N, C-alpha and C. Protein backbone atom coordinates (compact mmCIF):
# COMPACT_ATOMS: atom_id res chain seq x y z
N MET A 1 19.87 -129.88 -104.58
CA MET A 1 18.94 -129.82 -105.35
C MET A 1 18.70 -130.86 -106.47
N LYS A 2 19.78 -131.36 -106.84
CA LYS A 2 19.64 -132.38 -108.02
C LYS A 2 18.70 -133.56 -107.59
N ARG A 3 18.59 -133.86 -106.36
CA ARG A 3 17.39 -134.85 -105.85
C ARG A 3 16.23 -134.11 -105.54
N GLN A 4 16.37 -132.92 -104.90
CA GLN A 4 15.03 -132.49 -104.40
C GLN A 4 14.19 -132.05 -105.29
N ILE A 5 14.65 -131.58 -106.33
CA ILE A 5 13.74 -130.91 -107.35
C ILE A 5 13.13 -132.15 -108.15
N PRO A 6 13.70 -133.31 -108.63
CA PRO A 6 13.24 -134.39 -109.08
C PRO A 6 12.06 -135.06 -108.19
N LEU A 7 12.30 -135.07 -106.99
CA LEU A 7 11.39 -135.61 -105.93
C LEU A 7 9.93 -134.80 -105.90
N ALA A 8 10.25 -133.49 -105.99
CA ALA A 8 9.01 -132.70 -105.87
C ALA A 8 8.39 -132.65 -106.93
N LEU A 9 8.86 -132.78 -108.38
CA LEU A 9 8.17 -132.95 -109.41
C LEU A 9 7.31 -134.24 -109.41
N VAL A 10 8.09 -135.19 -109.21
CA VAL A 10 7.21 -136.58 -109.20
C VAL A 10 6.21 -136.53 -108.12
N PHE A 11 6.40 -135.89 -106.99
CA PHE A 11 5.32 -135.95 -106.02
C PHE A 11 4.37 -134.84 -106.43
N PHE A 12 4.66 -133.94 -107.06
CA PHE A 12 3.40 -132.78 -107.58
C PHE A 12 2.75 -133.56 -108.79
N PHE A 13 3.33 -133.95 -109.79
CA PHE A 13 2.54 -134.64 -110.76
C PHE A 13 1.84 -136.11 -110.57
N GLY A 14 2.29 -136.67 -109.46
CA GLY A 14 1.70 -137.78 -109.32
C GLY A 14 0.48 -137.55 -108.60
N VAL A 15 0.39 -136.60 -107.58
CA VAL A 15 -0.77 -136.39 -106.78
C VAL A 15 -1.61 -135.68 -107.73
N LEU A 16 -1.26 -134.99 -108.70
CA LEU A 16 -2.05 -134.01 -109.68
C LEU A 16 -2.88 -135.20 -110.58
N MET A 17 -2.23 -136.24 -111.01
CA MET A 17 -2.71 -137.13 -111.80
C MET A 17 -3.76 -138.02 -111.11
N ILE A 18 -3.48 -138.47 -109.69
CA ILE A 18 -4.37 -139.08 -108.95
C ILE A 18 -5.78 -138.15 -108.75
N ILE A 19 -5.61 -136.84 -108.35
CA ILE A 19 -6.78 -135.84 -108.17
C ILE A 19 -7.43 -135.88 -109.44
N GLN A 20 -6.90 -135.88 -110.79
CA GLN A 20 -7.50 -135.59 -112.13
C GLN A 20 -8.35 -136.77 -112.43
N TYR A 21 -8.00 -138.00 -111.81
CA TYR A 21 -8.74 -139.27 -112.22
C TYR A 21 -9.97 -139.18 -111.74
N PHE A 22 -10.14 -138.43 -110.34
CA PHE A 22 -11.44 -138.38 -110.01
C PHE A 22 -12.31 -137.12 -110.10
N VAL A 23 -11.96 -136.27 -110.93
CA VAL A 23 -12.49 -135.15 -111.29
C VAL A 23 -13.10 -135.14 -112.62
N PRO A 24 -14.53 -135.37 -112.76
CA PRO A 24 -14.87 -135.47 -114.05
C PRO A 24 -15.32 -133.92 -114.68
N HIS A 25 -14.45 -133.50 -115.19
CA HIS A 25 -14.38 -132.16 -115.69
C HIS A 25 -13.81 -131.95 -116.89
N GLU A 26 -14.24 -130.99 -117.91
CA GLU A 26 -13.49 -130.65 -118.87
C GLU A 26 -12.32 -130.42 -118.56
N ALA A 27 -11.89 -129.41 -117.74
CA ALA A 27 -10.58 -129.00 -117.48
C ALA A 27 -9.72 -129.81 -117.12
N SER A 28 -10.14 -131.01 -116.23
CA SER A 28 -9.34 -132.23 -115.94
C SER A 28 -9.12 -133.18 -117.03
N GLU A 29 -10.01 -133.33 -117.97
CA GLU A 29 -9.73 -134.20 -119.27
C GLU A 29 -8.66 -133.39 -119.89
N TRP A 30 -8.81 -131.96 -120.08
CA TRP A 30 -7.78 -131.32 -120.90
C TRP A 30 -6.27 -131.49 -120.28
N THR A 31 -6.37 -131.47 -119.12
CA THR A 31 -4.99 -131.50 -118.32
C THR A 31 -4.37 -133.05 -118.43
N PHE A 32 -5.27 -133.96 -118.73
CA PHE A 32 -5.15 -135.34 -118.72
C PHE A 32 -4.25 -135.25 -120.22
N GLU A 33 -4.98 -134.81 -121.26
CA GLU A 33 -4.51 -135.04 -122.65
C GLU A 33 -3.29 -134.13 -122.82
N PHE A 34 -3.09 -133.29 -121.98
CA PHE A 34 -2.03 -132.25 -122.38
C PHE A 34 -0.77 -133.06 -121.63
N LEU A 35 -0.82 -133.57 -120.48
CA LEU A 35 0.04 -134.29 -119.95
C LEU A 35 0.40 -135.54 -120.58
N MET A 36 -0.49 -136.08 -121.25
CA MET A 36 -0.09 -137.38 -121.94
C MET A 36 0.73 -137.13 -123.34
N ASP A 37 0.57 -136.00 -123.71
CA ASP A 37 1.12 -135.48 -125.08
C ASP A 37 2.64 -135.31 -124.74
N TRP A 38 3.11 -135.23 -123.48
CA TRP A 38 4.48 -135.45 -122.90
C TRP A 38 5.02 -136.74 -123.08
N ILE A 39 4.41 -137.52 -123.30
CA ILE A 39 4.80 -138.85 -123.38
C ILE A 39 5.65 -138.92 -124.76
N TYR A 40 4.99 -138.62 -125.81
CA TYR A 40 5.53 -138.44 -127.06
C TYR A 40 7.15 -137.72 -127.03
N ILE A 41 7.07 -136.70 -126.27
CA ILE A 41 8.30 -136.00 -126.17
C ILE A 41 9.46 -136.66 -125.39
N ILE A 42 8.84 -137.16 -124.19
CA ILE A 42 9.81 -137.95 -123.30
C ILE A 42 10.25 -139.33 -124.36
N GLY A 43 9.51 -140.05 -125.13
CA GLY A 43 9.78 -140.96 -125.79
C GLY A 43 10.76 -140.78 -126.93
N ILE A 44 10.67 -139.49 -127.45
CA ILE A 44 11.71 -139.22 -128.37
C ILE A 44 13.24 -138.95 -127.67
N PHE A 45 13.20 -138.36 -126.69
CA PHE A 45 14.46 -138.32 -126.00
C PHE A 45 15.04 -139.54 -125.48
N ALA A 46 13.89 -140.53 -125.04
CA ALA A 46 14.53 -142.04 -124.62
C ALA A 46 14.90 -142.55 -125.84
N LEU A 47 14.43 -142.51 -127.04
CA LEU A 47 14.86 -142.79 -128.46
C LEU A 47 16.31 -142.44 -128.80
N ALA A 48 16.56 -141.10 -128.60
CA ALA A 48 17.86 -140.78 -128.66
C ALA A 48 18.95 -141.17 -127.71
N LEU A 49 18.21 -141.36 -126.45
CA LEU A 49 19.22 -141.98 -125.40
C LEU A 49 19.67 -143.25 -125.80
N GLY A 50 18.64 -143.96 -126.02
CA GLY A 50 18.71 -145.35 -126.45
C GLY A 50 19.82 -145.59 -127.79
N ILE A 51 19.61 -144.75 -128.85
CA ILE A 51 20.55 -144.78 -130.08
C ILE A 51 22.01 -144.38 -129.57
N TRP A 52 22.09 -143.58 -128.75
CA TRP A 52 23.61 -143.08 -128.37
C TRP A 52 24.09 -144.19 -127.55
N SER A 53 23.37 -144.60 -126.68
CA SER A 53 23.92 -145.93 -125.90
C SER A 53 24.20 -147.16 -126.81
N LEU A 54 23.52 -147.48 -127.76
CA LEU A 54 23.79 -148.46 -128.49
C LEU A 54 25.06 -148.32 -129.42
N VAL A 55 25.30 -146.83 -129.84
CA VAL A 55 26.54 -146.48 -130.64
C VAL A 55 27.74 -146.39 -129.75
N LYS A 56 27.59 -145.98 -128.55
CA LYS A 56 28.61 -146.09 -127.54
C LYS A 56 29.25 -147.23 -127.27
N VAL A 57 28.11 -148.21 -126.83
CA VAL A 57 28.57 -149.58 -126.55
C VAL A 57 29.21 -150.42 -127.81
N SER A 58 28.60 -150.39 -128.75
CA SER A 58 29.07 -150.98 -129.86
C SER A 58 30.62 -150.29 -130.30
N TRP A 59 30.71 -149.10 -130.36
CA TRP A 59 32.05 -148.49 -130.59
C TRP A 59 32.99 -149.00 -129.84
N ASP A 60 32.86 -148.95 -128.40
CA ASP A 60 33.87 -149.37 -127.54
C ASP A 60 34.05 -150.78 -127.79
N LYS A 61 33.20 -151.55 -127.74
CA LYS A 61 33.38 -153.15 -128.37
C LYS A 61 34.39 -153.29 -129.45
N ILE A 62 34.02 -152.34 -130.42
CA ILE A 62 34.94 -152.44 -131.75
C ILE A 62 36.20 -151.94 -131.27
N ARG A 63 36.51 -150.87 -130.64
CA ARG A 63 37.93 -150.22 -130.37
C ARG A 63 38.73 -150.88 -129.43
N LEU A 64 37.97 -151.77 -128.21
CA LEU A 64 38.84 -152.68 -127.45
C LEU A 64 38.91 -153.83 -128.04
N ARG A 65 38.12 -154.31 -129.12
CA ARG A 65 38.57 -155.54 -129.83
C ARG A 65 38.00 -156.59 -128.85
N ARG A 66 36.73 -156.56 -128.25
CA ARG A 66 36.16 -157.34 -127.17
C ARG A 66 35.66 -158.66 -128.07
N GLU A 67 35.09 -159.67 -127.16
CA GLU A 67 34.78 -160.80 -127.91
C GLU A 67 33.47 -160.49 -128.74
N ASN A 68 33.73 -161.13 -130.04
CA ASN A 68 32.74 -160.94 -130.94
C ASN A 68 32.24 -159.38 -131.65
N TRP A 69 33.39 -158.73 -131.48
CA TRP A 69 33.50 -157.17 -131.80
C TRP A 69 33.02 -157.15 -133.17
N GLN A 70 33.15 -158.21 -134.13
CA GLN A 70 32.63 -157.92 -135.52
C GLN A 70 31.06 -157.71 -135.62
N TYR A 71 30.41 -158.40 -134.75
CA TYR A 71 28.77 -158.24 -134.60
C TYR A 71 28.51 -156.74 -134.42
N ALA A 72 29.50 -156.09 -133.65
CA ALA A 72 29.19 -154.77 -133.19
C ALA A 72 29.18 -153.92 -134.58
N ILE A 73 30.31 -154.31 -135.42
CA ILE A 73 30.08 -153.61 -136.89
C ILE A 73 28.87 -153.76 -137.63
N VAL A 74 28.38 -154.83 -137.71
CA VAL A 74 27.02 -155.31 -138.41
C VAL A 74 26.11 -154.35 -137.51
N THR A 75 26.10 -154.35 -136.44
CA THR A 75 25.05 -153.68 -135.74
C THR A 75 24.78 -152.14 -136.02
N LEU A 76 26.12 -151.46 -136.15
CA LEU A 76 26.12 -150.15 -136.63
C LEU A 76 25.88 -149.83 -137.91
N LEU A 77 26.31 -150.72 -138.80
CA LEU A 77 26.06 -150.64 -140.34
C LEU A 77 24.55 -150.80 -140.52
N GLY A 78 23.94 -151.69 -139.90
CA GLY A 78 22.37 -151.81 -139.82
C GLY A 78 21.80 -150.68 -139.50
N LEU A 79 22.28 -150.12 -138.10
CA LEU A 79 21.50 -149.03 -137.71
C LEU A 79 21.56 -147.79 -138.68
N VAL A 80 22.81 -147.53 -139.37
CA VAL A 80 22.84 -146.33 -140.15
C VAL A 80 22.08 -146.65 -141.47
N ALA A 81 22.03 -147.94 -141.89
CA ALA A 81 21.35 -148.10 -143.15
C ALA A 81 19.98 -148.04 -143.01
N MET A 82 19.44 -148.56 -142.04
CA MET A 82 17.85 -148.42 -141.75
C MET A 82 17.57 -146.98 -141.56
N ILE A 83 18.15 -146.29 -140.81
CA ILE A 83 18.00 -144.95 -140.68
C ILE A 83 17.79 -144.19 -141.92
N CYS A 84 18.72 -144.35 -142.81
CA CYS A 84 18.87 -143.84 -144.32
C CYS A 84 17.91 -144.26 -145.16
N PHE A 85 17.35 -145.62 -145.07
CA PHE A 85 16.49 -146.21 -145.78
C PHE A 85 14.96 -145.51 -145.26
N GLY A 86 14.82 -145.49 -143.85
CA GLY A 86 13.66 -144.95 -143.45
C GLY A 86 13.49 -143.66 -143.52
N PHE A 87 14.32 -142.82 -143.72
CA PHE A 87 14.02 -141.29 -144.34
C PHE A 87 14.11 -141.26 -145.65
N ASP A 88 14.22 -142.31 -146.55
CA ASP A 88 13.98 -142.38 -147.88
C ASP A 88 15.25 -141.56 -148.51
N TYR A 89 16.38 -142.03 -147.82
CA TYR A 89 17.71 -141.08 -148.48
C TYR A 89 17.63 -139.79 -147.88
N PHE A 90 16.93 -139.52 -146.88
CA PHE A 90 17.05 -138.12 -146.27
C PHE A 90 16.04 -137.16 -147.04
N ARG A 91 15.35 -137.57 -148.04
CA ARG A 91 14.40 -136.95 -148.81
C ARG A 91 13.08 -136.68 -148.37
N ASN A 92 12.68 -137.49 -147.42
CA ASN A 92 11.50 -137.30 -146.55
C ASN A 92 11.80 -137.55 -145.02
N VAL A 93 12.39 -136.46 -144.63
CA VAL A 93 12.49 -136.49 -143.19
C VAL A 93 11.45 -136.07 -142.23
N PHE A 94 10.51 -135.32 -142.83
CA PHE A 94 9.49 -135.04 -141.98
C PHE A 94 8.06 -135.45 -142.35
N ASN A 95 8.02 -136.55 -142.99
CA ASN A 95 6.91 -137.16 -143.19
C ASN A 95 7.17 -138.85 -143.09
N ALA A 96 5.88 -139.56 -143.34
CA ALA A 96 6.07 -140.94 -143.12
C ALA A 96 6.47 -141.74 -144.24
N ALA A 97 6.76 -141.14 -145.60
CA ALA A 97 6.87 -141.54 -146.76
C ALA A 97 8.10 -142.48 -146.83
N GLY A 98 8.96 -142.28 -145.95
CA GLY A 98 10.40 -143.12 -146.16
C GLY A 98 9.81 -144.50 -145.60
N LEU A 99 8.86 -144.70 -144.75
CA LEU A 99 8.53 -146.25 -144.30
C LEU A 99 8.04 -146.99 -145.34
N GLN A 100 7.75 -146.56 -146.57
CA GLN A 100 7.54 -147.37 -147.89
C GLN A 100 8.77 -147.52 -148.81
N ASN A 101 9.72 -146.96 -148.43
CA ASN A 101 11.11 -147.02 -149.13
C ASN A 101 11.27 -148.52 -149.62
N PHE A 102 11.82 -148.88 -150.60
CA PHE A 102 11.67 -150.17 -151.28
C PHE A 102 12.89 -150.99 -150.29
N MET A 103 13.98 -150.37 -150.04
CA MET A 103 14.92 -151.08 -149.27
C MET A 103 14.64 -151.40 -147.68
N PHE A 104 13.93 -150.29 -147.33
CA PHE A 104 13.50 -150.16 -145.90
C PHE A 104 12.32 -151.40 -145.73
N ARG A 105 11.41 -151.61 -146.52
CA ARG A 105 10.54 -152.58 -146.63
C ARG A 105 11.07 -154.11 -146.68
N HIS A 106 12.00 -154.00 -147.76
CA HIS A 106 12.61 -155.22 -147.87
C HIS A 106 13.35 -155.71 -146.70
N PHE A 107 14.36 -154.73 -146.06
CA PHE A 107 15.16 -155.16 -145.02
C PHE A 107 14.31 -155.45 -143.64
N PHE A 108 13.24 -155.03 -143.57
CA PHE A 108 12.31 -155.28 -142.52
C PHE A 108 11.51 -156.56 -142.75
N ASP A 109 10.95 -156.60 -143.88
CA ASP A 109 10.06 -157.94 -144.34
C ASP A 109 10.97 -159.22 -144.62
N TYR A 110 12.21 -159.02 -145.11
CA TYR A 110 12.88 -160.17 -145.42
C TYR A 110 14.13 -160.54 -144.38
N ILE A 111 14.30 -159.88 -143.32
CA ILE A 111 15.45 -160.01 -142.52
C ILE A 111 15.12 -159.74 -141.23
N MET A 112 14.40 -158.62 -140.85
CA MET A 112 13.93 -158.37 -139.35
C MET A 112 12.98 -159.49 -139.03
N ILE A 113 11.85 -159.57 -139.88
CA ILE A 113 10.67 -160.49 -139.57
C ILE A 113 11.27 -162.10 -139.35
N PRO A 114 12.03 -162.65 -140.35
CA PRO A 114 12.57 -163.86 -140.05
C PRO A 114 13.27 -163.98 -139.06
N ILE A 115 14.38 -162.90 -138.70
CA ILE A 115 14.98 -163.08 -137.20
C ILE A 115 14.03 -163.09 -136.11
N GLN A 116 12.77 -162.29 -136.05
CA GLN A 116 11.98 -162.49 -135.00
C GLN A 116 11.32 -163.51 -135.14
N SER A 117 10.96 -164.23 -136.13
CA SER A 117 10.40 -165.55 -136.11
C SER A 117 11.18 -166.64 -135.92
N THR A 118 12.49 -166.50 -136.00
CA THR A 118 13.49 -167.52 -135.49
C THR A 118 13.59 -167.54 -134.02
N MET A 119 13.73 -166.19 -133.34
CA MET A 119 13.71 -166.37 -131.89
C MET A 119 12.55 -166.85 -131.23
N PHE A 120 11.32 -166.51 -131.78
CA PHE A 120 10.03 -167.06 -131.09
C PHE A 120 10.01 -168.58 -131.35
N SER A 121 10.63 -168.98 -132.43
CA SER A 121 10.53 -170.62 -132.69
C SER A 121 11.29 -171.17 -131.75
N LEU A 122 12.32 -170.64 -131.24
CA LEU A 122 13.22 -171.28 -130.16
C LEU A 122 12.47 -171.21 -128.86
N LEU A 123 11.64 -170.54 -128.68
CA LEU A 123 10.88 -170.65 -127.33
C LEU A 123 10.33 -171.88 -127.28
N ALA A 124 9.86 -172.64 -128.49
CA ALA A 124 9.18 -173.95 -128.20
C ALA A 124 9.76 -174.90 -127.65
N PHE A 125 11.17 -174.87 -128.05
CA PHE A 125 12.06 -175.87 -127.21
C PHE A 125 12.14 -175.66 -125.93
N PHE A 126 12.37 -174.15 -125.48
CA PHE A 126 12.45 -174.07 -123.90
C PHE A 126 11.18 -174.18 -123.18
N ILE A 127 9.94 -174.33 -123.94
CA ILE A 127 8.44 -174.57 -123.26
C ILE A 127 8.66 -175.90 -123.20
N ALA A 128 8.89 -176.71 -124.00
CA ALA A 128 8.74 -178.04 -124.09
C ALA A 128 9.77 -178.72 -122.99
N SER A 129 10.97 -178.27 -122.82
CA SER A 129 11.73 -178.51 -121.79
C SER A 129 11.11 -178.31 -120.49
N ALA A 130 10.68 -176.79 -120.26
CA ALA A 130 10.07 -176.62 -118.83
C ALA A 130 8.76 -177.40 -118.63
N SER A 131 8.12 -177.72 -119.64
CA SER A 131 6.92 -178.72 -119.72
C SER A 131 7.33 -180.19 -119.12
N TYR A 132 8.31 -180.49 -119.69
CA TYR A 132 8.92 -181.76 -119.09
C TYR A 132 9.27 -181.88 -117.63
N ARG A 133 9.86 -180.90 -117.27
CA ARG A 133 10.15 -180.79 -115.73
C ARG A 133 9.12 -180.51 -115.05
N ALA A 134 8.15 -179.53 -115.41
CA ALA A 134 7.11 -179.30 -114.50
C ALA A 134 5.90 -180.37 -114.51
N PHE A 135 5.84 -181.05 -115.53
CA PHE A 135 4.48 -181.94 -115.80
C PHE A 135 4.90 -183.55 -115.02
N ARG A 136 6.00 -183.60 -114.70
CA ARG A 136 6.45 -184.98 -114.21
C ARG A 136 5.67 -185.14 -112.71
N ALA A 137 4.71 -186.34 -113.03
CA ALA A 137 3.87 -186.48 -111.98
C ALA A 137 4.57 -187.02 -110.50
N ARG A 138 5.26 -186.25 -110.02
CA ARG A 138 5.94 -186.54 -108.69
C ARG A 138 5.02 -186.21 -107.44
N SER A 139 3.95 -185.45 -107.46
CA SER A 139 3.16 -185.35 -106.30
C SER A 139 1.71 -185.09 -106.91
N LEU A 140 0.56 -185.01 -106.01
CA LEU A 140 -0.78 -184.87 -106.51
C LEU A 140 -0.95 -183.46 -107.49
N LEU A 141 -0.21 -182.27 -106.70
CA LEU A 141 -0.44 -181.20 -107.66
C LEU A 141 0.08 -181.31 -108.94
N ALA A 142 1.40 -181.91 -109.17
CA ALA A 142 2.05 -181.87 -110.48
C ALA A 142 1.03 -183.10 -111.32
N SER A 143 0.67 -184.03 -110.81
CA SER A 143 -0.49 -184.86 -111.42
C SER A 143 -1.44 -184.09 -112.02
N LEU A 144 -2.21 -183.51 -111.17
CA LEU A 144 -3.51 -182.44 -111.49
C LEU A 144 -3.07 -181.59 -112.63
N LEU A 145 -1.58 -180.70 -112.57
CA LEU A 145 -1.33 -180.11 -113.52
C LEU A 145 -1.22 -180.82 -114.86
N LEU A 146 -0.60 -182.27 -114.77
CA LEU A 146 -0.30 -182.86 -115.88
C LEU A 146 -1.67 -183.24 -116.56
N LEU A 147 -2.57 -183.65 -115.82
CA LEU A 147 -3.80 -184.19 -116.44
C LEU A 147 -4.66 -183.02 -117.04
N ALA A 148 -4.50 -181.66 -116.46
CA ALA A 148 -5.10 -180.47 -116.87
C ALA A 148 -4.68 -180.11 -118.28
N ALA A 149 -3.40 -180.35 -118.32
CA ALA A 149 -2.67 -179.80 -119.44
C ALA A 149 -2.91 -180.86 -120.67
N LEU A 150 -3.01 -181.92 -120.59
CA LEU A 150 -3.28 -182.84 -121.48
C LEU A 150 -4.77 -182.96 -121.85
N ILE A 151 -5.83 -182.50 -121.12
CA ILE A 151 -6.97 -182.18 -121.57
C ILE A 151 -7.05 -181.09 -122.39
N VAL A 152 -6.39 -180.06 -122.02
CA VAL A 152 -6.65 -178.87 -122.73
C VAL A 152 -5.77 -178.77 -124.19
N MET A 153 -4.63 -179.76 -124.16
CA MET A 153 -4.04 -179.62 -125.43
C MET A 153 -4.72 -180.69 -126.36
N ILE A 154 -5.47 -181.58 -125.94
CA ILE A 154 -5.94 -182.67 -126.83
C ILE A 154 -7.53 -182.35 -127.05
N ARG A 155 -7.94 -181.37 -126.61
CA ARG A 155 -9.47 -181.10 -126.87
C ARG A 155 -10.00 -180.86 -128.08
N PHE A 156 -8.85 -180.34 -129.02
CA PHE A 156 -9.31 -180.30 -130.54
C PHE A 156 -8.86 -181.55 -131.33
N ASN A 157 -8.39 -182.61 -130.70
CA ASN A 157 -7.95 -183.81 -131.48
C ASN A 157 -9.27 -184.55 -131.86
N PRO A 158 -9.62 -184.72 -133.12
CA PRO A 158 -10.73 -185.30 -133.59
C PRO A 158 -10.78 -186.88 -133.63
N TYR A 159 -9.62 -187.42 -133.00
CA TYR A 159 -9.59 -189.10 -133.15
C TYR A 159 -9.97 -189.64 -131.89
N PHE A 160 -10.63 -189.13 -130.96
CA PHE A 160 -11.29 -189.41 -129.75
C PHE A 160 -12.76 -189.92 -129.80
N GLY A 161 -13.49 -189.61 -131.05
CA GLY A 161 -14.64 -189.99 -131.24
C GLY A 161 -15.68 -189.21 -130.31
N PRO A 162 -16.54 -189.92 -129.65
CA PRO A 162 -17.53 -189.21 -128.71
C PRO A 162 -16.95 -188.57 -127.56
N LEU A 163 -15.69 -188.91 -127.26
CA LEU A 163 -14.95 -188.19 -126.02
C LEU A 163 -14.79 -186.90 -126.50
N THR A 164 -14.81 -186.48 -127.99
CA THR A 164 -14.10 -185.16 -128.26
C THR A 164 -14.94 -184.05 -127.39
N ALA A 165 -16.18 -184.29 -127.46
CA ALA A 165 -17.16 -182.96 -126.99
C ALA A 165 -17.04 -182.97 -125.56
N TYR A 166 -17.08 -184.25 -124.97
CA TYR A 166 -16.56 -184.12 -123.46
C TYR A 166 -15.52 -183.48 -122.96
N LEU A 167 -14.31 -183.82 -123.87
CA LEU A 167 -12.97 -183.24 -123.69
C LEU A 167 -13.15 -181.64 -123.90
N GLU A 168 -13.95 -181.32 -124.69
CA GLU A 168 -13.97 -179.89 -125.07
C GLU A 168 -14.60 -179.21 -123.84
N GLN A 169 -15.82 -179.59 -123.37
CA GLN A 169 -16.51 -179.18 -122.30
C GLN A 169 -15.65 -179.24 -121.11
N THR A 170 -14.86 -180.02 -120.95
CA THR A 170 -13.88 -180.23 -119.50
C THR A 170 -13.02 -178.98 -119.78
N ALA A 171 -12.22 -179.12 -120.91
CA ALA A 171 -11.23 -178.03 -121.19
C ALA A 171 -11.66 -176.57 -121.11
N SER A 172 -12.88 -176.52 -121.55
CA SER A 172 -13.72 -175.08 -121.36
C SER A 172 -13.79 -174.57 -119.95
N TRP A 173 -14.34 -175.66 -119.11
CA TRP A 173 -14.50 -175.58 -117.55
C TRP A 173 -13.11 -175.28 -117.11
N LEU A 174 -12.31 -175.91 -117.32
CA LEU A 174 -10.69 -175.58 -116.93
C LEU A 174 -10.23 -174.27 -117.10
N LEU A 175 -10.60 -174.01 -118.24
CA LEU A 175 -9.91 -172.61 -118.75
C LEU A 175 -11.09 -171.32 -118.02
N ASN A 176 -12.23 -171.59 -118.00
CA ASN A 176 -13.09 -170.34 -117.32
C ASN A 176 -13.36 -170.43 -116.02
N VAL A 177 -13.16 -171.49 -115.31
CA VAL A 177 -13.44 -171.65 -113.86
C VAL A 177 -12.24 -171.49 -113.00
N PRO A 178 -11.28 -172.63 -112.91
CA PRO A 178 -10.31 -172.54 -111.97
C PRO A 178 -9.14 -171.68 -112.70
N ASN A 179 -8.95 -171.83 -113.91
CA ASN A 179 -7.70 -170.88 -114.59
C ASN A 179 -8.11 -169.36 -114.45
N LEU A 180 -9.21 -169.04 -114.91
CA LEU A 180 -9.67 -167.75 -114.67
C LEU A 180 -9.59 -167.09 -113.22
N ALA A 181 -10.11 -167.88 -112.61
CA ALA A 181 -9.96 -167.61 -110.75
C ALA A 181 -8.68 -167.53 -110.54
N ALA A 182 -7.61 -168.00 -110.95
CA ALA A 182 -6.05 -167.85 -110.73
C ALA A 182 -5.53 -166.62 -111.24
N LYS A 183 -6.38 -166.66 -112.58
CA LYS A 183 -5.57 -165.26 -113.44
C LYS A 183 -6.16 -164.08 -112.76
N ARG A 184 -7.32 -163.98 -112.37
CA ARG A 184 -7.69 -163.01 -111.67
C ARG A 184 -7.17 -162.57 -110.40
N ALA A 185 -6.86 -163.53 -109.53
CA ALA A 185 -5.99 -163.38 -108.60
C ALA A 185 -4.66 -162.83 -108.65
N ILE A 186 -3.87 -163.23 -109.83
CA ILE A 186 -2.83 -162.70 -110.05
C ILE A 186 -2.92 -161.36 -110.69
N VAL A 187 -4.04 -160.96 -111.47
CA VAL A 187 -3.94 -159.56 -111.91
C VAL A 187 -4.38 -158.68 -110.61
N ILE A 188 -5.28 -159.28 -109.79
CA ILE A 188 -5.37 -158.32 -108.55
C ILE A 188 -4.18 -157.98 -107.72
N GLY A 189 -3.24 -158.99 -107.55
CA GLY A 189 -2.12 -158.97 -106.98
C GLY A 189 -1.20 -158.06 -107.71
N VAL A 190 -1.04 -158.20 -109.04
CA VAL A 190 -0.20 -157.19 -109.88
C VAL A 190 -0.63 -155.55 -109.69
N GLY A 191 -2.23 -155.50 -109.64
CA GLY A 191 -2.56 -154.30 -109.48
C GLY A 191 -2.22 -153.56 -108.15
N LEU A 192 -2.32 -154.37 -107.03
CA LEU A 192 -1.90 -153.77 -105.64
C LEU A 192 -0.46 -153.57 -105.85
N GLY A 193 0.43 -154.37 -106.31
CA GLY A 193 1.78 -154.31 -106.31
C GLY A 193 1.92 -152.88 -107.22
N MET A 194 1.38 -152.72 -108.32
CA MET A 194 1.52 -151.42 -109.08
C MET A 194 1.19 -150.18 -108.15
N VAL A 195 0.23 -150.53 -107.58
CA VAL A 195 -0.40 -149.04 -106.52
C VAL A 195 0.79 -148.81 -105.55
N ALA A 196 1.07 -149.87 -104.85
CA ALA A 196 2.22 -149.82 -103.66
C ALA A 196 3.27 -149.26 -104.21
N THR A 197 3.97 -149.85 -105.66
CA THR A 197 5.04 -149.15 -106.19
C THR A 197 4.79 -147.66 -106.42
N ALA A 198 3.71 -147.19 -107.00
CA ALA A 198 3.61 -146.04 -107.47
C ALA A 198 3.34 -144.89 -106.23
N LEU A 199 2.75 -145.43 -105.15
CA LEU A 199 2.98 -144.72 -103.98
C LEU A 199 4.17 -144.49 -103.29
N LYS A 200 5.23 -145.62 -103.48
CA LYS A 200 6.54 -145.39 -103.00
C LYS A 200 7.40 -144.49 -103.77
N VAL A 201 6.92 -144.50 -105.16
CA VAL A 201 7.71 -143.49 -105.96
C VAL A 201 7.44 -142.07 -105.64
N ILE A 202 5.90 -141.71 -105.62
CA ILE A 202 5.49 -140.70 -105.43
C ILE A 202 5.99 -139.85 -104.08
N LEU A 203 5.98 -140.68 -102.92
CA LEU A 203 6.14 -140.09 -101.69
C LEU A 203 7.78 -140.23 -101.43
N GLY A 204 8.62 -140.61 -102.36
CA GLY A 204 10.03 -140.58 -102.51
C GLY A 204 10.66 -141.37 -101.55
N ILE A 205 9.78 -142.88 -101.25
CA ILE A 205 10.45 -144.01 -100.56
C ILE A 205 11.24 -144.62 -101.84
N GLU A 206 10.93 -145.02 -102.93
CA GLU A 206 11.45 -145.37 -104.04
C GLU A 206 12.21 -144.54 -104.94
N ARG A 207 13.72 -144.48 -104.74
CA ARG A 207 14.38 -143.38 -105.34
C ARG A 207 15.45 -144.14 -106.53
N ALA A 208 15.11 -145.40 -106.77
CA ALA A 208 16.18 -145.93 -107.62
C ALA A 208 16.21 -145.27 -109.24
N TYR A 209 15.04 -144.79 -109.53
CA TYR A 209 15.26 -143.64 -110.74
C TYR A 209 16.21 -142.60 -110.71
N LEU A 210 16.63 -142.20 -109.78
CA LEU A 210 17.57 -141.23 -109.51
C LEU A 210 18.90 -141.61 -109.68
N GLY A 211 19.19 -142.93 -109.70
CA GLY A 211 20.63 -143.39 -109.76
C GLY A 211 21.22 -143.57 -108.57
N LYS A 212 22.45 -143.98 -108.35
CA LYS A 212 23.11 -144.34 -107.22
C LYS A 212 23.14 -143.04 -106.32
N ASP A 213 23.22 -143.31 -104.94
CA ASP A 213 23.73 -142.41 -104.11
C ASP A 213 24.80 -141.84 -103.87
């Protein structure tokens, strides 16, 4: 029963949402909105599960003195501090006033955002390394990729004089014709893959979400 009931629920609600999409009726729209409201409920439970998992993993790391266990202490302290500040020292638990707490805003604006900026800035080096390996003209396709990338990158460079307008037109054509065609093909492929995966889940063929057998 532990597997039959989840499979039956997934099949029922999956078929229900498929039928609802093709029924232009107020009752159908109400059903859709009602079921979508459950996303917030599921999200709350998922958030609680994520916090519990973070606490458990970090505490085990501290207790067993695993490598870099000191960072787990910082993680737990940061979690507790941000919860405390976010609830305005638990004076505003049931409203959003805590989001304007002085410490909450400062921790977010001057610690969290710089950390995220640092992580994203590191991507530039990985992109540069990947571009160097991908753009080496070892074949005709690699040469075309290199040429197209150079045209797109230098299209806004004002030092090419009369060639600037031509480069801009060429770059626009590359972005709007061959690039867009490939992008649409990828989107169509992704969409078909999503439909196939959804059908496998609804029909009970894909059962990874149930855990190990």
